Amino acid sequence: MSDLRNELLGRRTPAMPPFRMLLPSGWLAFDLSEENEDRVISQGLARLAASGNGGMSATIGPMLRDAFASLRRQNGFAYAIPGEAAPTWAVGPASIIGIKRASTPEVTLDDVVMHVVAEFGAAPLGGDERILAWAETRTVTVQGEQARALTLNYLIPIPGTRRTQAVQWTVTTACAPDLPEDAPGLQQWKLLFDVHMATFAWVQE
């Protein structure tokens, strides 16, 4: 799904118009097909083995498969991760996930928008009314160690659906629990993804 310019290209499907978005340098994008699932898991386990952590394969492999299955249940359609050529200055391991959201009789997308505005201070990204952005943080345990999980969310309505369907991009990383909110590395990380998400555009055919 990515070309040599690190551009994420979404082809037209019955459920979604085509789109394009620039990815950070060195990142790789995939769809959620079983073929890509096997490929990514194999690559991930190979990197674990090369780093001397091959003993974790029995745990990590099933966890990754469960994650793929969960994404498909949530209407996930794309994800991206740093490749070997990606810069290493990031605050921690990171990923981008794309899911399709839709209104239900119980919860409409307008309800979702009102909730994230009230709960997380969601606001248009850089004043761009097309993209609603907000951040969430929580404490998690990774291999017995506490870490802070930072999630950046970007909600974009799908044209022609009258605000009943949207794409949500979610960027997640883990960092030290005591890393200050105003740490330069963390602020650069947030700005990096804000800039790339701002390049999202629906493609006119």
N, C-alpha and C. Protein backbone atom coordinates (compact mmCIF):
# COMPACT_ATOMS: atom_id res chain seq x y z
N MET A 1 0.80 -1.21 0.00
CA MET A 1 0.00 0.00 0.00
C MET A 1 0.85 1.27 0.00
N SER A 2 2.18 1.17 0.09
CA SER A 2 2.99 2.39 0.07
C SER A 2 3.91 2.39 -1.13
N ASP A 3 4.20 3.57 -1.67
CA ASP A 3 5.09 3.64 -2.81
C ASP A 3 6.44 4.18 -2.37
N LEU A 4 7.33 4.46 -3.33
CA LEU A 4 8.69 4.84 -2.99
C LEU A 4 8.76 6.21 -2.33
N ARG A 5 7.71 6.99 -2.42
CA ARG A 5 7.69 8.30 -1.77
C ARG A 5 7.09 8.21 -0.37
N ASN A 6 6.95 6.99 0.13
CA ASN A 6 6.34 6.80 1.44
C ASN A 6 4.95 7.40 1.50
N GLU A 7 4.16 7.12 0.48
CA GLU A 7 2.80 7.64 0.42
C GLU A 7 1.82 6.49 0.59
N LEU A 8 0.94 6.62 1.55
CA LEU A 8 -0.09 5.61 1.78
C LEU A 8 -1.23 5.87 0.82
N LEU A 9 -1.52 4.89 -0.03
CA LEU A 9 -2.55 5.05 -1.05
C LEU A 9 -3.68 4.08 -0.77
N GLY A 10 -4.89 4.58 -0.60
CA GLY A 10 -6.05 3.73 -0.38
C GLY A 10 -6.87 3.65 -1.65
N ARG A 11 -6.99 2.45 -2.21
CA ARG A 11 -7.77 2.28 -3.43
C ARG A 11 -9.25 2.27 -3.10
N ARG A 12 -10.05 2.62 -4.11
CA ARG A 12 -11.50 2.62 -3.92
C ARG A 12 -11.98 1.22 -3.58
N THR A 13 -12.85 1.13 -2.59
CA THR A 13 -13.52 -0.12 -2.24
C THR A 13 -15.01 0.18 -2.16
N PRO A 14 -15.85 -0.86 -2.08
CA PRO A 14 -17.28 -0.60 -1.92
C PRO A 14 -17.60 0.22 -0.67
N ALA A 15 -16.69 0.20 0.31
CA ALA A 15 -16.97 0.86 1.58
C ALA A 15 -16.30 2.22 1.74
N MET A 16 -15.35 2.57 0.84
CA MET A 16 -14.58 3.78 1.07
C MET A 16 -14.02 4.35 -0.23
N PRO A 17 -14.04 5.68 -0.37
CA PRO A 17 -13.41 6.31 -1.54
C PRO A 17 -11.88 6.18 -1.45
N PRO A 18 -11.18 6.38 -2.57
CA PRO A 18 -9.71 6.34 -2.52
C PRO A 18 -9.16 7.55 -1.77
N PHE A 19 -7.98 7.39 -1.20
CA PHE A 19 -7.34 8.47 -0.45
C PHE A 19 -5.83 8.37 -0.61
N ARG A 20 -5.15 9.40 -0.12
CA ARG A 20 -3.69 9.37 -0.08
C ARG A 20 -3.22 10.14 1.14
N MET A 21 -2.05 9.72 1.67
CA MET A 21 -1.48 10.39 2.84
C MET A 21 0.01 10.09 2.90
N LEU A 22 0.82 11.10 3.18
CA LEU A 22 2.25 10.90 3.31
C LEU A 22 2.57 10.26 4.66
N LEU A 23 3.51 9.31 4.64
CA LEU A 23 3.97 8.66 5.86
C LEU A 23 5.35 9.19 6.25
N PRO A 24 5.73 9.03 7.51
CA PRO A 24 7.08 9.43 7.91
C PRO A 24 8.13 8.66 7.12
N SER A 25 9.29 9.24 6.98
CA SER A 25 10.38 8.61 6.24
C SER A 25 10.71 7.24 6.81
N GLY A 26 10.81 6.25 5.92
CA GLY A 26 11.21 4.91 6.34
C GLY A 26 10.09 4.04 6.86
N TRP A 27 8.86 4.56 6.93
CA TRP A 27 7.74 3.76 7.42
C TRP A 27 7.19 2.87 6.31
N LEU A 28 6.62 1.73 6.72
CA LEU A 28 6.04 0.77 5.79
C LEU A 28 4.55 0.63 6.09
N ALA A 29 3.73 0.60 5.06
CA ALA A 29 2.28 0.49 5.23
C ALA A 29 1.77 -0.81 4.63
N PHE A 30 0.75 -1.40 5.25
CA PHE A 30 0.20 -2.67 4.83
C PHE A 30 -1.32 -2.64 4.96
N ASP A 31 -1.99 -3.51 4.20
CA ASP A 31 -3.40 -3.73 4.49
C ASP A 31 -3.49 -4.89 5.48
N LEU A 32 -4.69 -5.26 5.87
CA LEU A 32 -4.87 -6.27 6.92
C LEU A 32 -5.18 -7.64 6.36
N SER A 33 -4.66 -7.95 5.19
CA SER A 33 -4.87 -9.27 4.60
C SER A 33 -4.08 -10.32 5.39
N GLU A 34 -4.52 -11.59 5.28
CA GLU A 34 -3.81 -12.66 5.98
C GLU A 34 -2.40 -12.82 5.44
N GLU A 35 -2.23 -12.55 4.13
CA GLU A 35 -0.89 -12.64 3.54
C GLU A 35 0.07 -11.66 4.22
N ASN A 36 -0.38 -10.43 4.39
CA ASN A 36 0.46 -9.44 5.06
C ASN A 36 0.64 -9.76 6.53
N GLU A 37 -0.38 -10.34 7.15
CA GLU A 37 -0.25 -10.73 8.56
C GLU A 37 0.91 -11.70 8.73
N ASP A 38 0.95 -12.74 7.90
CA ASP A 38 2.03 -13.73 7.98
C ASP A 38 3.39 -13.07 7.73
N ARG A 39 3.42 -12.17 6.74
CA ARG A 39 4.67 -11.51 6.38
C ARG A 39 5.20 -10.65 7.52
N VAL A 40 4.32 -9.84 8.10
CA VAL A 40 4.76 -8.93 9.16
C VAL A 40 5.17 -9.69 10.41
N ILE A 41 4.41 -10.71 10.77
CA ILE A 41 4.76 -11.49 11.95
C ILE A 41 6.10 -12.18 11.76
N SER A 42 6.32 -12.74 10.56
CA SER A 42 7.60 -13.39 10.28
C SER A 42 8.76 -12.41 10.39
N GLN A 43 8.56 -11.20 9.84
CA GLN A 43 9.61 -10.18 9.91
C GLN A 43 9.86 -9.77 11.36
N GLY A 44 8.78 -9.61 12.12
CA GLY A 44 8.93 -9.21 13.51
C GLY A 44 9.66 -10.25 14.34
N LEU A 45 9.32 -11.52 14.14
CA LEU A 45 9.98 -12.58 14.89
C LEU A 45 11.44 -12.71 14.49
N ALA A 46 11.73 -12.47 13.20
CA ALA A 46 13.12 -12.52 12.74
C ALA A 46 13.94 -11.41 13.40
N ARG A 47 13.34 -10.21 13.53
CA ARG A 47 14.05 -9.12 14.19
C ARG A 47 14.28 -9.42 15.67
N LEU A 48 13.29 -10.07 16.30
CA LEU A 48 13.46 -10.47 17.70
C LEU A 48 14.64 -11.42 17.85
N ALA A 49 14.68 -12.42 16.96
CA ALA A 49 15.76 -13.40 17.02
C ALA A 49 17.11 -12.74 16.79
N ALA A 50 17.18 -11.81 15.83
CA ALA A 50 18.44 -11.14 15.51
C ALA A 50 18.93 -10.28 16.68
N SER A 51 17.98 -9.79 17.48
CA SER A 51 18.36 -8.94 18.61
C SER A 51 18.63 -9.75 19.88
N GLY A 52 18.58 -11.09 19.76
CA GLY A 52 18.84 -11.93 20.90
C GLY A 52 17.64 -12.20 21.77
N ASN A 53 16.44 -11.84 21.29
CA ASN A 53 15.22 -12.04 22.07
C ASN A 53 14.31 -13.11 21.46
N GLY A 54 14.91 -14.06 20.77
CA GLY A 54 14.12 -15.10 20.12
C GLY A 54 13.25 -15.90 21.07
N GLY A 55 13.63 -15.93 22.34
CA GLY A 55 12.83 -16.67 23.31
C GLY A 55 11.45 -16.10 23.53
N MET A 56 11.24 -14.85 23.09
CA MET A 56 9.94 -14.21 23.25
C MET A 56 8.98 -14.57 22.12
N SER A 57 9.45 -15.28 21.10
CA SER A 57 8.64 -15.56 19.92
C SER A 57 7.34 -16.29 20.25
N ALA A 58 7.43 -17.24 21.19
CA ALA A 58 6.25 -18.03 21.53
C ALA A 58 5.15 -17.16 22.13
N THR A 59 5.53 -16.04 22.75
CA THR A 59 4.55 -15.13 23.34
C THR A 59 4.12 -14.06 22.34
N ILE A 60 5.08 -13.47 21.64
CA ILE A 60 4.80 -12.35 20.75
C ILE A 60 3.99 -12.78 19.53
N GLY A 61 4.30 -13.95 18.95
CA GLY A 61 3.59 -14.41 17.76
C GLY A 61 2.08 -14.47 17.96
N PRO A 62 1.59 -15.21 18.97
CA PRO A 62 0.14 -15.25 19.22
C PRO A 62 -0.45 -13.89 19.55
N MET A 63 0.31 -13.04 20.26
CA MET A 63 -0.19 -11.70 20.57
C MET A 63 -0.42 -10.89 19.30
N LEU A 64 0.50 -11.00 18.35
CA LEU A 64 0.34 -10.27 17.09
C LEU A 64 -0.86 -10.78 16.31
N ARG A 65 -1.05 -12.09 16.29
CA ARG A 65 -2.21 -12.64 15.57
C ARG A 65 -3.52 -12.20 16.22
N ASP A 66 -3.55 -12.16 17.54
CA ASP A 66 -4.74 -11.66 18.24
C ASP A 66 -4.99 -10.20 17.89
N ALA A 67 -3.90 -9.42 17.78
CA ALA A 67 -4.04 -8.00 17.45
C ALA A 67 -4.62 -7.82 16.05
N PHE A 68 -4.15 -8.62 15.09
CA PHE A 68 -4.68 -8.55 13.73
C PHE A 68 -6.17 -8.90 13.72
N ALA A 69 -6.54 -9.97 14.42
CA ALA A 69 -7.94 -10.38 14.45
C ALA A 69 -8.81 -9.29 15.08
N SER A 70 -8.31 -8.66 16.14
CA SER A 70 -9.06 -7.60 16.79
C SER A 70 -9.25 -6.41 15.86
N LEU A 71 -8.22 -6.05 15.10
CA LEU A 71 -8.33 -4.93 14.16
C LEU A 71 -9.36 -5.21 13.09
N ARG A 72 -9.37 -6.44 12.58
CA ARG A 72 -10.36 -6.77 11.54
C ARG A 72 -11.77 -6.69 12.10
N ARG A 73 -11.96 -7.10 13.36
CA ARG A 73 -13.29 -7.00 13.97
C ARG A 73 -13.71 -5.54 14.13
N GLN A 74 -12.75 -4.64 14.25
CA GLN A 74 -13.05 -3.21 14.41
C GLN A 74 -13.09 -2.47 13.07
N ASN A 75 -13.18 -3.21 11.97
CA ASN A 75 -13.16 -2.61 10.63
C ASN A 75 -11.84 -1.92 10.32
N GLY A 76 -10.75 -2.48 10.84
CA GLY A 76 -9.43 -1.97 10.49
C GLY A 76 -9.13 -2.27 9.04
N PHE A 77 -8.46 -1.33 8.36
CA PHE A 77 -8.17 -1.54 6.95
C PHE A 77 -6.71 -1.28 6.61
N ALA A 78 -5.94 -0.66 7.47
CA ALA A 78 -4.53 -0.38 7.16
C ALA A 78 -3.75 -0.15 8.44
N TYR A 79 -2.45 -0.42 8.36
CA TYR A 79 -1.58 -0.08 9.48
C TYR A 79 -0.19 0.20 8.91
N ALA A 80 0.60 0.92 9.68
CA ALA A 80 1.96 1.26 9.25
C ALA A 80 2.88 1.21 10.46
N ILE A 81 4.12 0.79 10.20
CA ILE A 81 5.13 0.66 11.25
C ILE A 81 6.46 1.18 10.72
N PRO A 82 7.38 1.56 11.61
CA PRO A 82 8.70 1.99 11.14
C PRO A 82 9.46 0.82 10.53
N GLY A 83 10.05 1.03 9.35
CA GLY A 83 10.91 0.03 8.75
C GLY A 83 12.34 0.19 9.26
N GLU A 84 13.22 -0.65 8.76
CA GLU A 84 14.61 -0.60 9.22
C GLU A 84 15.27 0.73 8.87
N ALA A 85 14.77 1.41 7.83
CA ALA A 85 15.37 2.68 7.41
C ALA A 85 14.78 3.88 8.14
N ALA A 86 13.80 3.66 9.01
CA ALA A 86 13.16 4.78 9.71
C ALA A 86 14.11 5.39 10.73
N PRO A 87 14.02 6.71 10.96
CA PRO A 87 14.86 7.35 11.99
C PRO A 87 14.62 6.72 13.36
N THR A 88 15.65 6.70 14.18
CA THR A 88 15.56 6.04 15.49
C THR A 88 15.35 7.02 16.64
N TRP A 89 15.06 8.31 16.32
CA TRP A 89 14.95 9.29 17.40
C TRP A 89 13.61 9.21 18.13
N ALA A 90 12.66 8.41 17.61
CA ALA A 90 11.31 8.36 18.19
C ALA A 90 11.38 8.00 19.68
N VAL A 91 10.38 8.45 20.42
CA VAL A 91 10.38 8.25 21.87
C VAL A 91 10.19 6.79 22.25
N GLY A 92 9.66 5.97 21.37
CA GLY A 92 9.44 4.56 21.65
C GLY A 92 8.83 3.87 20.45
N PRO A 93 8.56 2.55 20.56
CA PRO A 93 7.93 1.83 19.45
C PRO A 93 6.61 2.50 19.08
N ALA A 94 6.34 2.61 17.79
CA ALA A 94 5.14 3.32 17.35
C ALA A 94 4.46 2.59 16.21
N SER A 95 3.18 2.87 16.02
CA SER A 95 2.42 2.29 14.91
C SER A 95 1.29 3.23 14.54
N ILE A 96 0.81 3.10 13.30
CA ILE A 96 -0.36 3.83 12.82
C ILE A 96 -1.39 2.80 12.39
N ILE A 97 -2.62 2.98 12.82
CA ILE A 97 -3.71 2.06 12.46
C ILE A 97 -4.85 2.87 11.87
N GLY A 98 -5.42 2.38 10.78
CA GLY A 98 -6.60 3.01 10.18
C GLY A 98 -7.81 2.11 10.35
N ILE A 99 -8.89 2.65 10.91
CA ILE A 99 -10.14 1.89 11.03
C ILE A 99 -11.27 2.72 10.45
N LYS A 100 -12.31 2.04 10.02
CA LYS A 100 -13.50 2.73 9.54
C LYS A 100 -14.54 2.71 10.65
N ARG A 101 -15.08 3.87 10.98
CA ARG A 101 -16.11 3.98 12.01
C ARG A 101 -17.44 4.35 11.37
N ALA A 102 -18.51 3.88 11.97
CA ALA A 102 -19.84 4.16 11.44
C ALA A 102 -20.82 4.38 12.59
N SER A 103 -21.80 5.24 12.35
CA SER A 103 -22.85 5.46 13.33
C SER A 103 -23.65 4.18 13.54
N THR A 104 -24.12 4.00 14.76
CA THR A 104 -25.03 2.91 15.08
C THR A 104 -26.30 3.52 15.67
N PRO A 105 -27.38 2.73 15.78
CA PRO A 105 -28.59 3.28 16.41
C PRO A 105 -28.34 3.77 17.83
N GLU A 106 -27.35 3.14 18.51
CA GLU A 106 -27.07 3.52 19.89
C GLU A 106 -26.13 4.72 20.00
N VAL A 107 -25.12 4.77 19.13
CA VAL A 107 -24.10 5.82 19.21
C VAL A 107 -23.81 6.33 17.81
N THR A 108 -24.13 7.59 17.56
CA THR A 108 -23.84 8.19 16.26
C THR A 108 -22.42 8.77 16.27
N LEU A 109 -21.91 9.07 15.09
CA LEU A 109 -20.60 9.73 15.03
C LEU A 109 -20.64 11.11 15.67
N ASP A 110 -21.77 11.78 15.57
CA ASP A 110 -21.90 13.07 16.26
C ASP A 110 -21.76 12.89 17.77
N ASP A 111 -22.30 11.79 18.30
CA ASP A 111 -22.14 11.49 19.73
C ASP A 111 -20.66 11.29 20.07
N VAL A 112 -19.95 10.56 19.20
CA VAL A 112 -18.52 10.32 19.41
C VAL A 112 -17.77 11.64 19.44
N VAL A 113 -18.08 12.51 18.49
CA VAL A 113 -17.41 13.81 18.41
C VAL A 113 -17.65 14.62 19.69
N MET A 114 -18.89 14.67 20.14
CA MET A 114 -19.19 15.43 21.35
C MET A 114 -18.44 14.86 22.55
N HIS A 115 -18.32 13.52 22.61
CA HIS A 115 -17.63 12.89 23.73
C HIS A 115 -16.14 13.24 23.74
N VAL A 116 -15.47 13.11 22.59
CA VAL A 116 -14.02 13.36 22.59
C VAL A 116 -13.70 14.84 22.76
N VAL A 117 -14.61 15.71 22.34
CA VAL A 117 -14.41 17.14 22.58
C VAL A 117 -14.50 17.43 24.08
N ALA A 118 -15.51 16.86 24.74
CA ALA A 118 -15.71 17.11 26.16
C ALA A 118 -14.66 16.40 27.02
N GLU A 119 -14.30 15.17 26.64
CA GLU A 119 -13.42 14.35 27.48
C GLU A 119 -11.94 14.62 27.23
N PHE A 120 -11.56 14.84 25.97
CA PHE A 120 -10.14 14.94 25.63
C PHE A 120 -9.76 16.27 24.98
N GLY A 121 -10.70 17.19 24.87
CA GLY A 121 -10.38 18.47 24.26
C GLY A 121 -10.11 18.40 22.78
N ALA A 122 -10.76 17.47 22.09
CA ALA A 122 -10.56 17.32 20.64
C ALA A 122 -10.84 18.64 19.93
N ALA A 123 -10.04 18.90 18.89
CA ALA A 123 -10.19 20.15 18.14
C ALA A 123 -9.73 19.93 16.70
N PRO A 124 -10.16 20.79 15.77
CA PRO A 124 -9.69 20.66 14.39
C PRO A 124 -8.17 20.73 14.33
N LEU A 125 -7.57 19.85 13.54
CA LEU A 125 -6.12 19.77 13.43
C LEU A 125 -5.58 21.01 12.71
N GLY A 126 -4.86 21.85 13.44
CA GLY A 126 -4.30 23.05 12.84
C GLY A 126 -5.35 23.96 12.23
N GLY A 127 -6.57 23.92 12.77
CA GLY A 127 -7.66 24.73 12.23
C GLY A 127 -8.35 24.12 11.03
N ASP A 128 -7.92 22.92 10.61
CA ASP A 128 -8.53 22.24 9.46
C ASP A 128 -9.79 21.52 9.92
N GLU A 129 -10.95 22.02 9.52
CA GLU A 129 -12.22 21.46 9.99
C GLU A 129 -12.46 20.03 9.49
N ARG A 130 -11.67 19.57 8.51
CA ARG A 130 -11.86 18.21 8.00
C ARG A 130 -11.41 17.15 8.99
N ILE A 131 -10.45 17.51 9.85
CA ILE A 131 -9.78 16.51 10.69
C ILE A 131 -9.92 16.91 12.16
N LEU A 132 -10.56 16.04 12.94
CA LEU A 132 -10.69 16.27 14.38
C LEU A 132 -9.59 15.47 15.08
N ALA A 133 -8.79 16.14 15.90
CA ALA A 133 -7.63 15.50 16.53
C ALA A 133 -7.72 15.58 18.04
N TRP A 134 -7.25 14.51 18.70
CA TRP A 134 -7.14 14.53 20.16
C TRP A 134 -6.12 13.49 20.60
N ALA A 135 -5.64 13.65 21.83
CA ALA A 135 -4.63 12.75 22.38
C ALA A 135 -5.16 12.11 23.66
N GLU A 136 -4.70 10.88 23.91
CA GLU A 136 -5.05 10.16 25.12
C GLU A 136 -3.78 9.55 25.70
N THR A 137 -3.69 9.47 27.01
CA THR A 137 -2.56 8.81 27.66
C THR A 137 -3.09 7.86 28.72
N ARG A 138 -2.34 6.79 28.94
CA ARG A 138 -2.69 5.84 30.00
C ARG A 138 -1.43 5.09 30.40
N THR A 139 -1.43 4.54 31.59
CA THR A 139 -0.30 3.75 32.08
C THR A 139 -0.51 2.29 31.72
N VAL A 140 0.52 1.66 31.17
CA VAL A 140 0.44 0.26 30.77
C VAL A 140 1.65 -0.47 31.36
N THR A 141 1.57 -1.81 31.35
CA THR A 141 2.69 -2.64 31.79
C THR A 141 3.23 -3.40 30.60
N VAL A 142 4.51 -3.22 30.29
CA VAL A 142 5.16 -3.88 29.16
C VAL A 142 6.30 -4.73 29.71
N GLN A 143 6.16 -6.05 29.60
CA GLN A 143 7.17 -6.98 30.09
C GLN A 143 7.53 -6.69 31.55
N GLY A 144 6.50 -6.44 32.35
CA GLY A 144 6.71 -6.22 33.77
C GLY A 144 7.11 -4.82 34.16
N GLU A 145 7.33 -3.95 33.19
CA GLU A 145 7.74 -2.58 33.47
C GLU A 145 6.60 -1.62 33.13
N GLN A 146 6.43 -0.60 33.98
CA GLN A 146 5.40 0.40 33.69
C GLN A 146 5.87 1.35 32.60
N ALA A 147 4.93 1.72 31.73
CA ALA A 147 5.21 2.68 30.66
C ALA A 147 3.97 3.53 30.45
N ARG A 148 4.17 4.65 29.80
CA ARG A 148 3.03 5.50 29.46
C ARG A 148 2.71 5.33 27.99
N ALA A 149 1.48 4.95 27.69
CA ALA A 149 1.04 4.80 26.30
C ALA A 149 0.40 6.11 25.86
N LEU A 150 0.90 6.66 24.78
CA LEU A 150 0.36 7.89 24.22
C LEU A 150 -0.31 7.57 22.90
N THR A 151 -1.56 7.98 22.76
CA THR A 151 -2.33 7.72 21.54
C THR A 151 -2.79 9.04 20.94
N LEU A 152 -2.47 9.24 19.67
CA LEU A 152 -2.96 10.39 18.91
C LEU A 152 -4.05 9.91 17.97
N ASN A 153 -5.19 10.56 17.98
CA ASN A 153 -6.34 10.15 17.17
C ASN A 153 -6.72 11.25 16.18
N TYR A 154 -7.11 10.82 14.98
CA TYR A 154 -7.50 11.76 13.93
C TYR A 154 -8.75 11.20 13.24
N LEU A 155 -9.87 11.91 13.37
CA LEU A 155 -11.15 11.45 12.82
C LEU A 155 -11.50 12.29 11.60
N ILE A 156 -11.80 11.61 10.48
CA ILE A 156 -12.04 12.29 9.20
C ILE A 156 -13.33 11.74 8.59
N PRO A 157 -14.38 12.54 8.46
CA PRO A 157 -15.63 12.05 7.85
C PRO A 157 -15.41 11.58 6.41
N ILE A 158 -16.14 10.54 6.03
CA ILE A 158 -16.09 10.05 4.65
C ILE A 158 -17.09 10.85 3.82
N PRO A 159 -16.66 11.42 2.71
CA PRO A 159 -17.55 12.26 1.90
C PRO A 159 -18.81 11.52 1.46
N GLY A 160 -19.91 12.24 1.45
CA GLY A 160 -21.16 11.69 0.95
C GLY A 160 -21.91 10.82 1.93
N THR A 161 -21.42 10.69 3.17
CA THR A 161 -22.09 9.83 4.14
C THR A 161 -22.87 10.62 5.20
N ARG A 162 -22.90 11.95 5.04
CA ARG A 162 -23.65 12.81 5.97
C ARG A 162 -23.24 12.58 7.43
N ARG A 163 -21.94 12.49 7.62
CA ARG A 163 -21.35 12.33 8.96
C ARG A 163 -21.83 11.06 9.66
N THR A 164 -22.12 10.02 8.89
CA THR A 164 -22.46 8.74 9.50
C THR A 164 -21.31 7.74 9.41
N GLN A 165 -20.27 8.06 8.62
CA GLN A 165 -19.11 7.19 8.48
C GLN A 165 -17.85 8.05 8.49
N ALA A 166 -16.78 7.48 9.02
CA ALA A 166 -15.52 8.23 9.10
C ALA A 166 -14.35 7.27 9.12
N VAL A 167 -13.19 7.82 8.79
CA VAL A 167 -11.92 7.13 8.96
C VAL A 167 -11.29 7.64 10.25
N GLN A 168 -10.78 6.73 11.07
CA GLN A 168 -10.04 7.15 12.25
C GLN A 168 -8.63 6.58 12.18
N TRP A 169 -7.65 7.48 12.18
CA TRP A 169 -6.25 7.07 12.25
C TRP A 169 -5.80 7.18 13.70
N THR A 170 -5.14 6.14 14.19
CA THR A 170 -4.67 6.11 15.57
C THR A 170 -3.18 5.83 15.57
N VAL A 171 -2.42 6.75 16.16
CA VAL A 171 -0.97 6.61 16.29
C VAL A 171 -0.67 6.32 17.75
N THR A 172 0.10 5.26 18.01
CA THR A 172 0.36 4.86 19.39
C THR A 172 1.85 4.67 19.60
N THR A 173 2.33 5.12 20.74
CA THR A 173 3.71 4.85 21.16
C THR A 173 3.74 4.64 22.66
N ALA A 174 4.81 4.05 23.15
CA ALA A 174 5.02 3.88 24.58
C ALA A 174 6.30 4.60 24.97
N CYS A 175 6.28 5.28 26.10
CA CYS A 175 7.46 6.01 26.56
C CYS A 175 7.57 5.86 28.07
N ALA A 176 8.66 6.34 28.62
CA ALA A 176 8.88 6.24 30.07
C ALA A 176 7.77 6.98 30.81
N PRO A 177 7.27 6.40 31.92
CA PRO A 177 6.15 7.02 32.63
C PRO A 177 6.48 8.39 33.21
N ASP A 178 7.78 8.67 33.43
CA ASP A 178 8.16 9.96 34.00
C ASP A 178 8.62 10.96 32.95
N LEU A 179 8.43 10.64 31.66
CA LEU A 179 8.83 11.58 30.62
C LEU A 179 7.90 12.80 30.66
N PRO A 180 8.45 14.00 30.82
CA PRO A 180 7.59 15.20 30.91
C PRO A 180 6.78 15.42 29.63
N GLU A 181 5.58 15.96 29.79
CA GLU A 181 4.73 16.23 28.64
C GLU A 181 5.38 17.20 27.66
N ASP A 182 6.23 18.09 28.20
CA ASP A 182 6.86 19.08 27.33
C ASP A 182 8.26 18.67 26.88
N ALA A 183 8.60 17.39 27.05
CA ALA A 183 9.91 16.92 26.60
C ALA A 183 10.06 17.17 25.10
N PRO A 184 11.20 17.73 24.66
CA PRO A 184 11.36 18.05 23.24
C PRO A 184 11.11 16.88 22.31
N GLY A 185 11.61 15.69 22.67
CA GLY A 185 11.41 14.53 21.81
C GLY A 185 9.95 14.18 21.65
N LEU A 186 9.19 14.29 22.75
CA LEU A 186 7.76 13.97 22.70
C LEU A 186 7.01 15.00 21.87
N GLN A 187 7.35 16.26 22.02
CA GLN A 187 6.69 17.31 21.24
C GLN A 187 7.01 17.17 19.76
N GLN A 188 8.25 16.81 19.43
CA GLN A 188 8.61 16.60 18.03
C GLN A 188 7.84 15.42 17.45
N TRP A 189 7.67 14.38 18.27
CA TRP A 189 6.94 13.19 17.83
C TRP A 189 5.49 13.55 17.51
N LYS A 190 4.86 14.32 18.39
CA LYS A 190 3.48 14.73 18.15
C LYS A 190 3.38 15.58 16.88
N LEU A 191 4.30 16.52 16.74
CA LEU A 191 4.28 17.40 15.58
C LEU A 191 4.48 16.62 14.29
N LEU A 192 5.36 15.62 14.32
CA LEU A 192 5.61 14.80 13.14
C LEU A 192 4.32 14.20 12.61
N PHE A 193 3.53 13.61 13.50
CA PHE A 193 2.32 12.95 13.03
C PHE A 193 1.20 13.93 12.71
N ASP A 194 1.15 15.04 13.41
CA ASP A 194 0.19 16.07 13.02
C ASP A 194 0.45 16.53 11.59
N VAL A 195 1.72 16.73 11.26
CA VAL A 195 2.07 17.18 9.91
C VAL A 195 1.70 16.14 8.87
N HIS A 196 1.98 14.88 9.15
CA HIS A 196 1.68 13.84 8.16
C HIS A 196 0.18 13.60 8.03
N MET A 197 -0.54 13.64 9.14
CA MET A 197 -1.99 13.46 9.05
C MET A 197 -2.65 14.61 8.30
N ALA A 198 -2.05 15.79 8.37
CA ALA A 198 -2.60 16.94 7.65
C ALA A 198 -2.50 16.77 6.14
N THR A 199 -1.68 15.81 5.68
CA THR A 199 -1.57 15.57 4.23
C THR A 199 -2.67 14.65 3.72
N PHE A 200 -3.50 14.10 4.62
CA PHE A 200 -4.57 13.19 4.18
C PHE A 200 -5.51 13.91 3.23
N ALA A 201 -5.85 13.24 2.14
CA ALA A 201 -6.80 13.82 1.18
C ALA A 201 -7.56 12.71 0.47
N TRP A 202 -8.84 12.95 0.25
CA TRP A 202 -9.63 12.05 -0.59
C TRP A 202 -9.27 12.33 -2.05
N VAL A 203 -9.13 11.27 -2.82
CA VAL A 203 -8.69 11.42 -4.22
C VAL A 203 -9.90 11.49 -5.13
N GLN A 204 -9.95 12.52 -5.96
CA GLN A 204 -11.03 12.66 -6.94
C GLN A 204 -10.73 11.78 -8.16
N GLU A 205 -11.68 10.97 -8.55
CA GLU A 205 -11.49 10.09 -9.71
C GLU A 205 -12.16 10.67 -10.94
